Amino acid sequence: MPARYVIGTDGVIAYAEVNPDYTRRPDPSELLPVLDRLPAGVPA
């Protein structure tokens, strides 16, 4: 099952999206606010 997760540097899942249709993807307007709320971490 296709899934997309945003996981913070503290290991907490900040966003989860699962859709059986891999061609349907979340709109950036859904993901950007989640990313903006995450604390800045050290890049990998």
C-alpha atoms as a PDB file:
ATOM      1  CA  MET A   1       0.000   0.000   0.000  1.00  0.00           C
ATOM      2  CA  PRO A   2       1.586   3.331  -1.018  1.00  0.00           C
ATOM      3  CA  ALA A   3       2.134   5.668   1.902  1.00  0.00           C
ATOM      4  CA  ARG A   4       3.867   8.933   2.675  1.00  0.00           C
ATOM      5  CA  TYR A   5       5.106   9.962   6.101  1.00  0.00           C
ATOM      6  CA  VAL A   6       6.747  13.059   7.516  1.00  0.00           C
ATOM      7  CA  ILE A   7       8.736  12.150  10.614  1.00  0.00           C
ATOM      8  CA  GLY A   8      10.316  14.783  12.828  1.00  0.00           C
ATOM      9  CA  THR A   9      13.870  14.514  14.108  1.00  0.00           C
ATOM     10  CA  ASP A  10      12.364  13.442  17.445  1.00  0.00           C
ATOM     11  CA  GLY A  11      10.844  10.374  15.746  1.00  0.00           C
ATOM     12  CA  VAL A  12       7.238  11.588  15.996  1.00  0.00           C
ATOM     13  CA  ILE A  13       5.077  11.142  12.906  1.00  0.00           C
ATOM     14  CA  ALA A  14       3.896  14.627  11.926  1.00  0.00           C
ATOM     15  CA  TYR A  15       1.951  13.562   8.819  1.00  0.00           C
ATOM     16  CA  ALA A  16       0.725  10.262   7.412  1.00  0.00           C
ATOM     17  CA  GLU A  17      -1.084   9.663   4.143  1.00  0.00           C
ATOM     18  CA  VAL A  18      -2.063   6.264   2.752  1.00  0.00           C
ATOM     19  CA  ASN A  19      -3.863   5.735  -0.528  1.00  0.00           C
ATOM     20  CA  PRO A  20      -4.220   2.503  -2.499  1.00  0.00           C
ATOM     21  CA  ASP A  21      -4.052   4.540  -5.730  1.00  0.00           C
ATOM     22  CA  TYR A  22      -0.359   5.411  -6.097  1.00  0.00           C
ATOM     23  CA  THR A  23      -1.189   8.023  -8.750  1.00  0.00           C
ATOM     24  CA  ARG A  24      -3.030  10.206  -6.221  1.00  0.00           C
ATOM     25  CA  ARG A  25      -0.626  12.328  -4.257  1.00  0.00           C
ATOM     26  CA  PRO A  26      -1.260  14.954  -1.594  1.00  0.00           C
ATOM     27  CA  ASP A  27      -1.300  18.539  -2.728  1.00  0.00           C
ATOM     28  CA  PRO A  28       1.747  20.549  -1.612  1.00  0.00           C
ATOM     29  CA  SER A  29      -0.628  22.871   0.229  1.00  0.00           C
ATOM     30  CA  GLU A  30      -1.310  19.932   2.596  1.00  0.00           C
ATOM     31  CA  LEU A  31       2.344  19.131   3.250  1.00  0.00           C
ATOM     32  CA  LEU A  32       3.976  22.552   3.452  1.00  0.00           C
ATOM     33  CA  PRO A  33       2.199  23.652   6.655  1.00  0.00           C
ATOM     34  CA  VAL A  34       3.252  20.372   8.310  1.00  0.00           C
ATOM     35  CA  LEU A  35       6.869  20.961   7.306  1.00  0.00           C
ATOM     36  CA  ASP A  36       6.697  24.563   8.509  1.00  0.00           C
ATOM     37  CA  ARG A  37       5.574  23.394  11.965  1.00  0.00           C
ATOM     38  CA  LEU A  38       8.515  21.018  12.394  1.00  0.00           C
ATOM     39  CA  PRO A  39      11.424  22.345  14.414  1.00  0.00           C
ATOM     40  CA  ALA A  40      14.587  22.928  12.432  1.00  0.00           C
ATOM     41  CA  GLY A  41      16.912  19.968  12.706  1.00  0.00           C
ATOM     42  CA  VAL A  42      20.345  19.028  11.503  1.00  0.00           C
ATOM     43  CA  PRO A  43      20.243  17.942   7.836  1.00  0.00           C
ATOM     44  CA  ALA A  44      21.063  14.305   7.207  1.00  0.00           C
END
